[in-house]
C-alpha atoms as a PDB file:
ATOM      1  CA  MET A   1      52.725  77.784 -13.713  1.00  0.00           C
ATOM      2  CA  LYS A   2      55.661  77.957 -11.325  1.00  0.00           C
ATOM      3  CA  ALA A   3      58.482  75.461 -11.367  1.00  0.00           C
ATOM      4  CA  ARG A   4      58.165  72.336  -9.249  1.00  0.00           C
ATOM      5  CA  ASN A   5      60.080  72.527  -6.001  1.00  0.00           C
ATOM      6  CA  LEU A   6      59.722  69.433  -3.854  1.00  0.00           C
ATOM      7  CA  GLY A   7      62.445  68.662  -1.332  1.00  0.00           C
ATOM      8  CA  LYS A   8      62.827  65.450   0.605  1.00  0.00           C
ATOM      9  CA  VAL A   9      61.365  66.994   3.753  1.00  0.00           C
ATOM     10  CA  PHE A  10      58.203  68.092   1.964  1.00  0.00           C
ATOM     11  CA  LEU A  11      57.808  64.769   0.152  1.00  0.00           C
ATOM     12  CA  ALA A  12      58.092  62.910   3.451  1.00  0.00           C
ATOM     13  CA  THR A  13      55.380  65.165   4.861  1.00  0.00           C
ATOM     14  CA  VAL A  14      53.122  64.474   1.888  1.00  0.00           C
ATOM     15  CA  LEU A  15      53.558  60.732   2.193  1.00  0.00           C
ATOM     16  CA  ALA A  16      53.037  60.761   5.950  1.00  0.00           C
ATOM     17  CA  GLY A  17      49.802  62.657   5.452  1.00  0.00           C
ATOM     18  CA  ALA A  18      48.673  60.140   2.882  1.00  0.00           C
ATOM     19  CA  MET A  19      49.362  57.263   5.247  1.00  0.00           C
ATOM     20  CA  MET A  20      47.361  58.872   8.042  1.00  0.00           C
ATOM     21  CA  ALA A  21      44.358  59.466   5.812  1.00  0.00           C
ATOM     22  CA  ALA A  22      41.794  56.706   6.279  1.00  0.00           C
ATOM     23  CA  PRO A  23      40.920  54.809   3.117  1.00  0.00           C
ATOM     24  CA  VAL A  24      37.277  54.803   2.124  1.00  0.00           C
ATOM     25  CA  MET A  25      36.081  51.224   1.937  1.00  0.00           C
ATOM     26  CA  ALA A  26      32.742  49.798   0.905  1.00  0.00           C
ATOM     27  CA  GLY A  27      30.435  47.589   2.903  1.00  0.00           C
ATOM     28  CA  GLU A  28      32.028  45.532   5.674  1.00  0.00           C
ATOM     29  CA  LEU A  29      35.598  45.709   4.403  1.00  0.00           C
ATOM     30  CA  SER A  30      38.355  46.535   6.850  1.00  0.00           C
ATOM     31  CA  LYS A  31      40.457  49.638   6.549  1.00  0.00           C
ATOM     32  CA  ALA A  32      44.112  49.500   5.627  1.00  0.00           C
ATOM     33  CA  THR A  33      46.617  48.569   8.307  1.00  0.00           C
ATOM     34  CA  GLU A  34      50.009  50.176   7.775  1.00  0.00           C
ATOM     35  CA  VAL A  35      52.718  47.747   8.856  1.00  0.00           C
ATOM     36  CA  PRO A  36      56.201  49.263   9.264  1.00  0.00           C
ATOM     37  CA  VAL A  37      58.487  48.213   6.437  1.00  0.00           C
ATOM     38  CA  GLU A  38      60.838  46.401   8.800  1.00  0.00           C
ATOM     39  CA  GLU A  39      57.949  44.243  10.041  1.00  0.00           C
ATOM     40  CA  LEU A  40      56.799  43.056   6.635  1.00  0.00           C
ATOM     41  CA  PRO A  41      57.612  39.426   5.747  1.00  0.00           C
ATOM     42  CA  VAL A  42      59.489  40.600   2.631  1.00  0.00           C
ATOM     43  CA  THR A  43      62.271  43.006   1.794  1.00  0.00           C
ATOM     44  CA  GLY A  44      62.657  45.070  -1.342  1.00  0.00           C
ATOM     45  CA  ILE A  45      60.124  45.910  -4.010  1.00  0.00           C
ATOM     46  CA  GLY A  46      59.469  44.894  -7.600  1.00  0.00           C
ATOM     47  CA  THR A  47      62.029  42.489  -8.997  1.00  0.00           C
ATOM     48  CA  THR A  48      64.224  42.923  -5.893  1.00  0.00           C
ATOM     49  CA  VAL A  49      61.583  41.520  -3.528  1.00  0.00           C
ATOM     50  CA  ALA A  50      62.815  38.673  -1.312  1.00  0.00           C
ATOM     51  CA  THR A  51      61.932  36.832   1.895  1.00  0.00           C
ATOM     52  CA  GLU A  52      63.254  34.472   4.531  1.00  0.00           C
ATOM     53  CA  VAL A  53      59.859  32.757   4.852  1.00  0.00           C
ATOM     54  CA  LYS A  54      60.002  29.062   3.940  1.00  0.00           C
ATOM     55  CA  ALA A  55      57.213  26.499   3.649  1.00  0.00           C
ATOM     56  CA  ASP A  56      57.245  23.850   6.374  1.00  0.00           C
ATOM     57  CA  GLY A  57      55.011  21.531   4.359  1.00  0.00           C
ATOM     58  CA  GLU A  58      54.089  20.560   0.831  1.00  0.00           C
ATOM     59  CA  TYR A  59      51.665  23.393   0.179  1.00  0.00           C
ATOM     60  CA  LYS A  60      49.733  24.252  -2.957  1.00  0.00           C
ATOM     61  CA  ILE A  61      48.892  27.917  -3.413  1.00  0.00           C
ATOM     62  CA  GLY A  62      46.673  28.984  -6.283  1.00  0.00           C
ATOM     63  CA  TYR A  63      46.561  32.386  -7.911  1.00  0.00           C
ATOM     64  CA  ILE A  64      43.801  33.614 -10.228  1.00  0.00           C
ATOM     65  CA  ALA A  65      44.355  36.736 -12.320  1.00  0.00           C
ATOM     66  CA  LYS A  66      41.676  38.830 -14.011  1.00  0.00           C
ATOM     67  CA  ASN A  67      43.179  38.185 -17.447  1.00  0.00           C
ATOM     68  CA  THR A  68      46.378  37.406 -19.327  1.00  0.00           C
ATOM     69  CA  THR A  69      46.153  40.441 -21.617  1.00  0.00           C
ATOM     70  CA  ASN A  70      47.363  43.045 -19.122  1.00  0.00           C
ATOM     71  CA  PRO A  71      51.107  43.011 -18.287  1.00  0.00           C
ATOM     72  CA  TYR A  72      50.111  43.999 -14.753  1.00  0.00           C
ATOM     73  CA  MET A  73      48.327  40.671 -14.312  1.00  0.00           C
ATOM     74  CA  VAL A  74      51.119  38.726 -15.980  1.00  0.00           C
ATOM     75  CA  ALA A  75      53.615  40.308 -13.578  1.00  0.00           C
ATOM     76  CA  GLN A  76      51.449  39.454 -10.571  1.00  0.00           C
ATOM     77  CA  ALA A  77      51.338  35.804 -11.627  1.00  0.00           C
ATOM     78  CA  ALA A  78      55.121  35.900 -12.083  1.00  0.00           C
ATOM     79  CA  GLY A  79      55.470  37.202  -8.524  1.00  0.00           C
ATOM     80  CA  VAL A  80      53.481  34.238  -7.221  1.00  0.00           C
ATOM     81  CA  GLU A  81      55.584  31.806  -9.255  1.00  0.00           C
ATOM     82  CA  LYS A  82      58.822  33.349  -7.950  1.00  0.00           C
ATOM     83  CA  ALA A  83      57.441  33.124  -4.415  1.00  0.00           C
ATOM     84  CA  GLY A  84      56.866  29.406  -4.966  1.00  0.00           C
ATOM     85  CA  GLU A  85      60.495  28.969  -5.997  1.00  0.00           C
ATOM     86  CA  ASP A  86      61.842  31.017  -3.080  1.00  0.00           C
ATOM     87  CA  MET A  87      59.540  29.690  -0.344  1.00  0.00           C
ATOM     88  CA  GLY A  88      59.230  26.093  -1.482  1.00  0.00           C
ATOM     89  CA  PHE A  89      55.575  25.559  -2.348  1.00  0.00           C
ATOM     90  CA  GLU A  90      53.727  24.552  -5.519  1.00  0.00           C
ATOM     91  CA  ALA A  91      52.344  27.638  -7.257  1.00  0.00           C
ATOM     92  CA  ILE A  92      49.341  27.227  -9.551  1.00  0.00           C
ATOM     93  CA  THR A  93      48.631  30.352 -11.594  1.00  0.00           C
ATOM     94  CA  GLN A  94      45.561  30.640 -13.799  1.00  0.00           C
ATOM     95  CA  ALA A  95      43.273  33.193 -15.448  1.00  0.00           C
ATOM     96  CA  PRO A  96      39.859  33.121 -17.130  1.00  0.00           C
ATOM     97  CA  SER A  97      39.879  32.435 -20.871  1.00  0.00           C
ATOM     98  CA  THR A  98      37.474  35.347 -21.279  1.00  0.00           C
ATOM     99  CA  PRO A  99      39.266  38.404 -19.887  1.00  0.00           C
ATOM    100  CA  ASP A 100      37.781  39.746 -16.639  1.00  0.00           C
ATOM    101  CA  SER A 101      35.126  37.024 -16.370  1.00  0.00           C
ATOM    102  CA  VAL A 102      34.251  36.691 -12.702  1.00  0.00           C
ATOM    103  CA  GLU A 103      32.136  33.635 -13.495  1.00  0.00           C
ATOM    104  CA  GLU A 104      35.224  31.853 -14.797  1.00  0.00           C
ATOM    105  CA  GLN A 105      37.201  33.038 -11.797  1.00  0.00           C
ATOM    106  CA  VAL A 106      34.666  31.340  -9.519  1.00  0.00           C
ATOM    107  CA  GLN A 107      34.956  28.151 -11.566  1.00  0.00           C
ATOM    108  CA  LEU A 108      38.738  28.294 -11.313  1.00  0.00           C
ATOM    109  CA  MET A 109      38.437  28.674  -7.543  1.00  0.00           C
ATOM    110  CA  GLU A 110      36.217  25.604  -7.429  1.00  0.00           C
ATOM    111  CA  ASN A 111      38.787  23.703  -9.493  1.00  0.00           C
ATOM    112  CA  MET A 112      41.553  24.733  -7.105  1.00  0.00           C
ATOM    113  CA  ILE A 113      39.499  23.476  -4.187  1.00  0.00           C
ATOM    114  CA  GLN A 114      39.288  20.093  -5.919  1.00  0.00           C
ATOM    115  CA  GLN A 115      43.043  20.166  -6.570  1.00  0.00           C
ATOM    116  CA  GLY A 116      43.684  20.456  -2.853  1.00  0.00           C
ATOM    117  CA  CYS A 117      45.042  23.991  -2.728  1.00  0.00           C
ATOM    118  CA  ASN A 118      45.841  25.182   0.778  1.00  0.00           C
ATOM    119  CA  ALA A 119      45.369  28.853  -0.096  1.00  0.00           C
ATOM    120  CA  ILE A 120      43.845  30.746  -3.019  1.00  0.00           C
ATOM    121  CA  ILE A 121      44.878  34.242  -4.068  1.00  0.00           C
ATOM    122  CA  VAL A 122      42.602  36.113  -6.454  1.00  0.00           C
ATOM    123  CA  HIS A 123      42.628  39.500  -8.127  1.00  0.00           C
ATOM    124  CA  CYS A 124      38.856  39.855  -8.241  1.00  0.00           C
ATOM    125  CA  ALA A 125      37.155  40.858 -11.471  1.00  0.00           C
ATOM    126  CA  ASP A 126      34.098  41.787  -9.417  1.00  0.00           C
ATOM    127  CA  SER A 127      33.795  42.190  -5.652  1.00  0.00           C
ATOM    128  CA  ASN A 128      30.307  40.713  -5.351  1.00  0.00           C
ATOM    129  CA  GLY A 129      30.577  38.162  -8.155  1.00  0.00           C
ATOM    130  CA  ILE A 130      33.585  36.447  -6.589  1.00  0.00           C
ATOM    131  CA  MET A 131      31.757  35.665  -3.336  1.00  0.00           C
ATOM    132  CA  PRO A 132      30.434  32.188  -4.320  1.00  0.00           C
ATOM    133  CA  GLY A 133      34.025  31.086  -4.865  1.00  0.00           C
ATOM    134  CA  VAL A 134      35.178  32.706  -1.644  1.00  0.00           C
ATOM    135  CA  ARG A 135      32.447  30.986   0.360  1.00  0.00           C
ATOM    136  CA  ALA A 136      33.158  27.612  -1.248  1.00  0.00           C
ATOM    137  CA  ALA A 137      36.871  27.873  -0.434  1.00  0.00           C
ATOM    138  CA  GLU A 138      36.299  28.980   3.132  1.00  0.00           C
ATOM    139  CA  GLU A 139      33.777  26.175   3.693  1.00  0.00           C
ATOM    140  CA  ALA A 140      36.500  23.767   2.543  1.00  0.00           C
ATOM    141  CA  GLY A 141      38.918  25.241   5.083  1.00  0.00           C
ATOM    142  CA  ILE A 142      40.993  27.092   2.477  1.00  0.00           C
ATOM    143  CA  ILE A 143      42.142  30.643   3.175  1.00  0.00           C
ATOM    144  CA  VAL A 144      41.419  33.253   0.505  1.00  0.00           C
ATOM    145  CA  LEU A 145      43.602  36.285  -0.132  1.00  0.00           C
ATOM    146  CA  THR A 146      42.715  39.087  -2.545  1.00  0.00           C
ATOM    147  CA  ILE A 147      44.976  41.543  -4.302  1.00  0.00           C
ATOM    148  CA  GLY A 148      43.814  44.941  -5.497  1.00  0.00           C
ATOM    149  CA  THR A 149      40.059  44.734  -5.952  1.00  0.00           C
ATOM    150  CA  PRO A 150      38.669  43.108  -2.792  1.00  0.00           C
ATOM    151  CA  ALA A 151      35.845  40.664  -2.292  1.00  0.00           C
ATOM    152  CA  SER A 152      32.710  42.346  -0.971  1.00  0.00           C
ATOM    153  CA  GLN A 153      33.300  40.774   2.441  1.00  0.00           C
ATOM    154  CA  ASP A 154      36.546  40.426   4.353  1.00  0.00           C
ATOM    155  CA  THR A 155      38.751  37.484   3.452  1.00  0.00           C
ATOM    156  CA  PHE A 156      41.834  36.185   5.263  1.00  0.00           C
ATOM    157  CA  LEU A 157      43.820  39.072   3.783  1.00  0.00           C
ATOM    158  CA  ARG A 158      43.705  41.781   1.174  1.00  0.00           C
ATOM    159  CA  THR A 159      46.972  43.204  -0.087  1.00  0.00           C
ATOM    160  CA  GLY A 160      48.120  45.178  -3.109  1.00  0.00           C
ATOM    161  CA  VAL A 161      48.114  48.945  -3.026  1.00  0.00           C
ATOM    162  CA  ASP A 162      45.798  51.065  -0.949  1.00  0.00           C
ATOM    163  CA  TYR A 163      43.979  52.771  -3.811  1.00  0.00           C
ATOM    164  CA  TYR A 164      42.894  55.641  -1.579  1.00  0.00           C
ATOM    165  CA  GLU A 165      46.476  56.364  -0.577  1.00  0.00           C
ATOM    166  CA  THR A 166      47.705  56.210  -4.161  1.00  0.00           C
ATOM    167  CA  GLY A 167      45.128  58.776  -5.259  1.00  0.00           C
ATOM    168  CA  TYR A 168      45.860  60.988  -2.279  1.00  0.00           C
ATOM    169  CA  THR A 169      49.623  60.888  -2.831  1.00  0.00           C
ATOM    170  CA  VAL A 170      49.594  61.658  -6.556  1.00  0.00           C
ATOM    171  CA  ALA A 171      46.976  64.400  -6.255  1.00  0.00           C
ATOM    172  CA  LYS A 172      48.835  66.012  -3.356  1.00  0.00           C
ATOM    173  CA  ASP A 173      52.113  65.949  -5.240  1.00  0.00           C
ATOM    174  CA  ILE A 174      50.625  67.487  -8.376  1.00  0.00           C
ATOM    175  CA  ALA A 175      48.745  70.110  -6.358  1.00  0.00           C
ATOM    176  CA  GLU A 176      51.997  71.212  -4.770  1.00  0.00           C
ATOM    177  CA  ALA A 177      53.721  71.267  -8.141  1.00  0.00           C
ATOM    178  CA  LEU A 178      50.978  73.662  -9.287  1.00  0.00           C
ATOM    179  CA  ASN A 179      51.590  75.769  -6.189  1.00  0.00           C
ATOM    180  CA  GLY A 180      47.980  75.170  -5.253  1.00  0.00           C
ATOM    181  CA  GLU A 181      46.467  76.909  -8.247  1.00  0.00           C
ATOM    182  CA  GLY A 182      45.155  75.881 -11.646  1.00  0.00           C
ATOM    183  CA  GLN A 183      42.566  73.884 -13.517  1.00  0.00           C
ATOM    184  CA  MET A 184      42.506  70.078 -13.432  1.00  0.00           C
ATOM    185  CA  ILE A 185      40.770  67.221 -15.234  1.00  0.00           C
ATOM    186  CA  ILE A 186      40.276  63.849 -13.563  1.00  0.00           C
ATOM    187  CA  LEU A 187      39.837  60.729 -15.683  1.00  0.00           C
ATOM    188  CA  GLU A 188      38.044  58.324 -13.360  1.00  0.00           C
ATOM    189  CA  GLY A 189      38.095  54.532 -13.368  1.00  0.00           C
ATOM    190  CA  PRO A 190      35.091  52.299 -14.121  1.00  0.00           C
ATOM    191  CA  PRO A 191      31.907  53.485 -12.369  1.00  0.00           C
ATOM    192  CA  GLY A 192      31.049  51.312  -9.395  1.00  0.00           C
ATOM    193  CA  ALA A 193      34.439  49.533  -9.234  1.00  0.00           C
ATOM    194  CA  ALA A 194      35.599  49.485  -5.601  1.00  0.00           C
ATOM    195  CA  ASN A 195      39.235  50.268  -6.392  1.00  0.00           C
ATOM    196  CA  ALA A 196      38.282  53.116  -8.743  1.00  0.00           C
ATOM    197  CA  ILE A 197      36.031  54.645  -6.088  1.00  0.00           C
ATOM    198  CA  GLU A 198      38.766  54.388  -3.463  1.00  0.00           C
ATOM    199  CA  ARG A 199      41.312  56.083  -5.717  1.00  0.00           C
ATOM    200  CA  LEU A 200      38.910  58.881  -6.677  1.00  0.00           C
ATOM    201  CA  ASN A 201      38.108  59.482  -3.013  1.00  0.00           C
ATOM    202  CA  GLY A 202      41.817  59.828  -2.290  1.00  0.00           C
ATOM    203  CA  ILE A 203      42.279  62.293  -5.135  1.00  0.00           C
ATOM    204  CA  ASN A 204      39.327  64.409  -4.069  1.00  0.00           C
ATOM    205  CA  ASP A 205      40.298  64.416  -0.403  1.00  0.00           C
ATOM    206  CA  ALA A 206      43.801  65.624  -1.250  1.00  0.00           C
ATOM    207  CA  LEU A 207      42.490  68.368  -3.519  1.00  0.00           C
ATOM    208  CA  ALA A 208      40.097  69.564  -0.812  1.00  0.00           C
ATOM    209  CA  ASP A 209      43.116  71.197   0.825  1.00  0.00           C
ATOM    210  CA  TYR A 210      43.759  73.288  -2.301  1.00  0.00           C
ATOM    211  CA  PRO A 211      40.828  75.643  -2.932  1.00  0.00           C
ATOM    212  CA  GLY A 212      42.855  77.336  -5.656  1.00  0.00           C
ATOM    213  CA  ILE A 213      42.699  74.212  -7.808  1.00  0.00           C
ATOM    214  CA  GLU A 214      39.499  73.876  -9.789  1.00  0.00           C
ATOM    215  CA  VAL A 215      38.480  70.445 -11.027  1.00  0.00           C
ATOM    216  CA  VAL A 216      36.766  71.503 -14.240  1.00  0.00           C
ATOM    217  CA  ALA A 217      35.764  67.958 -15.188  1.00  0.00           C
ATOM    218  CA  SER A 218      35.794  64.496 -13.596  1.00  0.00           C
ATOM    219  CA  GLN A 219      34.647  61.778 -15.984  1.00  0.00           C
ATOM    220  CA  THR A 220      35.251  58.064 -16.419  1.00  0.00           C
ATOM    221  CA  ALA A 221      37.752  56.760 -18.932  1.00  0.00           C
ATOM    222  CA  ASN A 222      37.280  53.163 -17.705  1.00  0.00           C
ATOM    223  CA  PHE A 223      41.019  52.570 -17.171  1.00  0.00           C
ATOM    224  CA  LYS A 224      41.450  52.529 -20.996  1.00  0.00           C
ATOM    225  CA  ARG A 225      43.910  54.413 -23.183  1.00  0.00           C
ATOM    226  CA  THR A 226      41.471  54.861 -26.048  1.00  0.00           C
ATOM    227  CA  GLU A 227      38.838  56.338 -23.752  1.00  0.00           C
ATOM    228  CA  GLY A 228      41.409  58.474 -21.974  1.00  0.00           C
ATOM    229  CA  MET A 229      42.267  59.982 -25.332  1.00  0.00           C
ATOM    230  CA  SER A 230      38.700  60.489 -26.552  1.00  0.00           C
ATOM    231  CA  VAL A 231      37.407  61.911 -23.253  1.00  0.00           C
ATOM    232  CA  THR A 232      40.356  64.293 -23.001  1.00  0.00           C
ATOM    233  CA  GLU A 233      39.960  65.406 -26.612  1.00  0.00           C
ATOM    234  CA  ASN A 234      36.347  66.323 -25.957  1.00  0.00           C
ATOM    235  CA  LEU A 235      37.111  68.120 -22.703  1.00  0.00           C
ATOM    236  CA  LEU A 236      39.966  70.136 -24.184  1.00  0.00           C
ATOM    237  CA  GLN A 237      37.543  71.707 -26.621  1.00  0.00           C
ATOM    238  CA  LYS A 238      35.684  73.225 -23.676  1.00  0.00           C
ATOM    239  CA  TYR A 239      38.501  73.745 -21.199  1.00  0.00           C
ATOM    240  CA  THR A 240      41.439  75.350 -22.952  1.00  0.00           C
ATOM    241  CA  ASP A 241      43.533  76.374 -19.923  1.00  0.00           C
ATOM    242  CA  VAL A 242      44.011  73.056 -18.183  1.00  0.00           C
ATOM    243  CA  ASP A 243      47.110  72.800 -15.999  1.00  0.00           C
ATOM    244  CA  ALA A 244      46.958  69.157 -14.937  1.00  0.00           C
ATOM    245  CA  ILE A 245      45.260  65.856 -15.710  1.00  0.00           C
ATOM    246  CA  ILE A 246      45.134  62.871 -13.372  1.00  0.00           C
ATOM    247  CA  GLY A 247      44.290  59.568 -15.031  1.00  0.00           C
ATOM    248  CA  ALA A 248      43.020  56.874 -12.662  1.00  0.00           C
ATOM    249  CA  ASN A 249      45.581  54.488 -14.160  1.00  0.00           C
ATOM    250  CA  ASP A 250      48.497  54.733 -16.561  1.00  0.00           C
ATOM    251  CA  GLU A 251      46.437  53.709 -19.563  1.00  0.00           C
ATOM    252  CA  SER A 252      43.954  56.557 -19.191  1.00  0.00           C
ATOM    253  CA  ALA A 253      46.789  58.979 -18.421  1.00  0.00           C
ATOM    254  CA  LEU A 254      48.635  57.899 -21.574  1.00  0.00           C
ATOM    255  CA  GLY A 255      45.445  58.487 -23.538  1.00  0.00           C
ATOM    256  CA  ALA A 256      45.398  62.022 -22.158  1.00  0.00           C
ATOM    257  CA  VAL A 257      49.004  62.477 -23.298  1.00  0.00           C
ATOM    258  CA  GLN A 258      47.996  61.477 -26.833  1.00  0.00           C
ATOM    259  CA  ALA A 259      45.117  63.947 -26.797  1.00  0.00           C
ATOM    260  CA  LEU A 260      47.359  66.771 -25.588  1.00  0.00           C
ATOM    261  CA  LYS A 261      49.892  66.045 -28.308  1.00  0.00           C
ATOM    262  CA  ALA A 262      47.186  65.947 -30.975  1.00  0.00           C
ATOM    263  CA  ALA A 263      45.942  69.327 -29.769  1.00  0.00           C
ATOM    264  CA  GLY A 264      49.444  70.790 -29.670  1.00  0.00           C
ATOM    265  CA  ILE A 265      49.141  71.615 -25.970  1.00  0.00           C
ATOM    266  CA  GLU A 266      52.278  71.616 -23.821  1.00  0.00           C
ATOM    267  CA  GLY A 267      53.025  72.186 -20.145  1.00  0.00           C
ATOM    268  CA  VAL A 268      50.139  70.152 -18.700  1.00  0.00           C
ATOM    269  CA  LEU A 269      51.138  67.950 -15.757  1.00  0.00           C
ATOM    270  CA  VAL A 270      49.826  64.426 -16.335  1.00  0.00           C
ATOM    271  CA  GLY A 271      49.805  61.900 -13.519  1.00  0.00           C
ATOM    272  CA  GLY A 272      48.928  58.214 -13.581  1.00  0.00           C
ATOM    273  CA  PHE A 273      49.151  55.021 -11.563  1.00  0.00           C
ATOM    274  CA  ASP A 274      50.875  51.646 -12.020  1.00  0.00           C
ATOM    275  CA  GLY A 275      54.451  52.345 -13.113  1.00  0.00           C
ATOM    276  CA  SER A 276      53.948  50.558 -16.437  1.00  0.00           C
ATOM    277  CA  VAL A 277      56.674  50.462 -19.054  1.00  0.00           C
ATOM    278  CA  ASP A 278      54.898  52.968 -21.323  1.00  0.00           C
ATOM    279  CA  ALA A 279      54.162  55.345 -18.474  1.00  0.00           C
ATOM    280  CA  SER A 280      57.712  55.104 -17.161  1.00  0.00           C
ATOM    281  CA  ASN A 281      59.072  55.944 -20.593  1.00  0.00           C
ATOM    282  CA  ALA A 282      56.587  58.831 -20.806  1.00  0.00           C
ATOM    283  CA  VAL A 283      57.882  60.177 -17.498  1.00  0.00           C
ATOM    284  CA  LYS A 284      61.426  59.834 -18.794  1.00  0.00           C
ATOM    285  CA  SER A 285      60.592  61.729 -21.993  1.00  0.00           C
ATOM    286  CA  GLY A 286      58.687  64.423 -20.101  1.00  0.00           C
ATOM    287  CA  ASP A 287      55.285  63.547 -21.595  1.00  0.00           C
ATOM    288  CA  MET A 288      54.030  62.512 -18.143  1.00  0.00           C
ATOM    289  CA  PHE A 289      54.785  64.266 -14.880  1.00  0.00           C
ATOM    290  CA  GLU A 290      54.658  61.168 -12.690  1.00  0.00           C
ATOM    291  CA  THR A 291      53.202  57.736 -12.082  1.00  0.00           C
ATOM    292  CA  TYR A 292      52.904  55.525  -9.001  1.00  0.00           C
ATOM    293  CA  ASN A 293      54.541  52.114  -8.678  1.00  0.00           C
ATOM    294  CA  THR A 294      51.712  49.745  -7.759  1.00  0.00           C
ATOM    295  CA  ASP A 295      54.099  46.762  -8.062  1.00  0.00           C
ATOM    296  CA  PRO A 296      51.916  43.772  -9.013  1.00  0.00           C
ATOM    297  CA  TYR A 297      54.966  41.492  -8.907  1.00  0.00           C
ATOM    298  CA  GLY A 298      55.739  42.364  -5.300  1.00  0.00           C
ATOM    299  CA  SER A 299      52.106  42.220  -4.203  1.00  0.00           C
ATOM    300  CA  GLY A 300      51.743  38.682  -5.557  1.00  0.00           C
ATOM    301  CA  TYR A 301      54.923  37.730  -3.735  1.00  0.00           C
ATOM    302  CA  ILE A 302      53.959  39.210  -0.366  1.00  0.00           C
ATOM    303  CA  ALA A 303      50.504  37.610  -0.499  1.00  0.00           C
ATOM    304  CA  CYS A 304      52.237  34.239  -0.738  1.00  0.00           C
ATOM    305  CA  ALA A 305      54.494  35.067   2.219  1.00  0.00           C
ATOM    306  CA  TYR A 306      51.486  35.763   4.435  1.00  0.00           C
ATOM    307  CA  ALA A 307      49.772  32.584   3.230  1.00  0.00           C
ATOM    308  CA  VAL A 308      52.829  30.439   3.950  1.00  0.00           C
ATOM    309  CA  MET A 309      53.285  31.968   7.402  1.00  0.00           C
ATOM    310  CA  TYR A 310      49.703  31.052   8.271  1.00  0.00           C
ATOM    311  CA  LEU A 311      49.992  27.549   6.849  1.00  0.00           C
ATOM    312  CA  ASN A 312      53.215  27.005   8.796  1.00  0.00           C
ATOM    313  CA  ASP A 313      52.028  27.903  12.284  1.00  0.00           C
ATOM    314  CA  GLY A 314      48.769  29.828  12.142  1.00  0.00           C
ATOM    315  CA  THR A 315      50.382  33.276  12.090  1.00  0.00           C
ATOM    316  CA  GLU A 316      47.689  35.859  11.392  1.00  0.00           C
ATOM    317  CA  PRO A 317      48.393  39.094   9.493  1.00  0.00           C
ATOM    318  CA  ALA A 318      48.276  42.374  11.434  1.00  0.00           C
ATOM    319  CA  GLY A 319      45.031  43.341   9.716  1.00  0.00           C
ATOM    320  CA  LYS A 320      42.572  42.298   7.052  1.00  0.00           C
ATOM    321  CA  PHE A 321      44.052  44.805   4.591  1.00  0.00           C
ATOM    322  CA  ILE A 322      47.814  45.279   4.530  1.00  0.00           C
ATOM    323  CA  PRO A 323      48.709  47.458   1.543  1.00  0.00           C
ATOM    324  CA  PHE A 324      51.848  46.782  -0.468  1.00  0.00           C
ATOM    325  CA  PRO A 325      53.589  48.769  -1.684  1.00  0.00           C
ATOM    326  CA  SER A 326      52.657  51.827   0.341  1.00  0.00           C
ATOM    327  CA  ALA A 327      53.865  55.374   0.725  1.00  0.00           C
ATOM    328  CA  GLN A 328      56.515  54.019   3.087  1.00  0.00           C
ATOM    329  CA  VAL A 329      58.535  52.770   0.127  1.00  0.00           C
ATOM    330  CA  GLU A 330      58.506  56.039  -1.854  1.00  0.00           C
ATOM    331  CA  PRO A 331      56.428  54.806  -4.796  1.00  0.00           C
ATOM    332  CA  LEU A 332      56.246  57.999  -6.857  1.00  0.00           C
ATOM    333  CA  ILE A 333      58.090  57.723 -10.162  1.00  0.00           C
ATOM    334  CA  THR A 334      59.250  61.112 -11.410  1.00  0.00           C
ATOM    335  CA  ALA A 335      61.938  62.536 -13.643  1.00  0.00           C
ATOM    336  CA  ASP A 336      64.264  62.419 -10.635  1.00  0.00           C
ATOM    337  CA  ASN A 337      64.148  58.650 -10.129  1.00  0.00           C
ATOM    338  CA  VAL A 338      62.660  57.084 -13.269  1.00  0.00           C
ATOM    339  CA  ASP A 339      66.025  55.778 -14.521  1.00  0.00           C
ATOM    340  CA  THR A 340      66.682  54.030 -11.214  1.00  0.00           C
ATOM    341  CA  TYR A 341      63.193  52.547 -11.268  1.00  0.00           C
ATOM    342  CA  ILE A 342      63.484  51.229 -14.821  1.00  0.00           C
ATOM    343  CA  ASN A 343      67.008  49.879 -14.447  1.00  0.00           C
ATOM    344  CA  GLU A 344      66.905  48.407 -10.943  1.00  0.00           C
ATOM    345  CA  PHE A 345      63.503  47.154  -9.812  1.00  0.00           C
ATOM    346  CA  ALA A 346      60.593  47.952 -12.163  1.00  0.00           C
ATOM    347  CA  TRP A 347      57.973  45.220 -11.970  1.00  0.00           C
ATOM    348  CA  PHE A 348      57.614  45.039 -15.740  1.00  0.00           C
ATOM    349  CA  ASN A 349      61.184  43.762 -16.009  1.00  0.00           C
ATOM    350  CA  ALA A 350      59.866  40.465 -14.620  1.00  0.00           C
ATOM    351  CA  VAL A 351      57.756  39.874 -17.735  1.00  0.00           C
ATOM    352  CA  GLN A 352      60.027  41.289 -20.411  1.00  0.00           C
ATOM    353  CA  GLU A 353      62.587  39.262 -22.275  1.00  0.00           C
END
């Protein structure tokens, strides 16, 4: 394996290519609309995110997470709460008592309708299952915004990362680091999950340009560290010359790291997604090659900015899906910039004491 050699010019080319690649969406959902950074209603990223948008009325904006067990979700709720402080609206943040229960999410949406919320933001546990709540809100004249996993039909806005672009960017970067040759394992997300499918499509489309890279196995690890470890352990018994592993999120990638350590295997490039505290520390220690900052804090914040703009004067977003963050803000976290990320704007700093 040759040494990694990525200059700024090449990285810019990679990211530009990722932005031009069309995301694969399911059903009637709109494709991502890239809005230039200077035209976004916020500046910064992670804990540095800020805005000049202010509420003109006494608005209530509700946010519903998938759970309270994942720091990612906790950070997203914190972003909504900070947006309420900065923009001057009442933020109501809730989550189902049973983690990832879409039925409870629908009930929470119905409760927010009764509370008089002007907008509801939801990180859907299930694209189809959330639709009764979406329809009820829209019938009551309340706009619905989704983050990450979309509803199965277009809502007022979807934001959060473009999962296709994230997969494309990480896979492209690792492929170049391998000089276009080697064996790779992909640890997929949950089967049938819209965001997992989008990310896998991005990974596969990027790798299609590198015929010298052989994907020896592509199996689900369900976004879980324990499954990432067990699946990788099993695969390493069959494939002993693996050069890289891409986990569909940081948890599965960290599971792969554990499996590699247990097997005494070194030199495998492991990539993940989310920019979590454990993954960032793994990048810093050299156990992971890179991760991607999906910035739940900032995505909760920007969703609120778009909602407030609409409530103020009817301003519509540029598209039904505006990804944030995107490749425009250099989201890859590598050995070169991990210290800056951790110390200056990492989203997990918003939920750590």
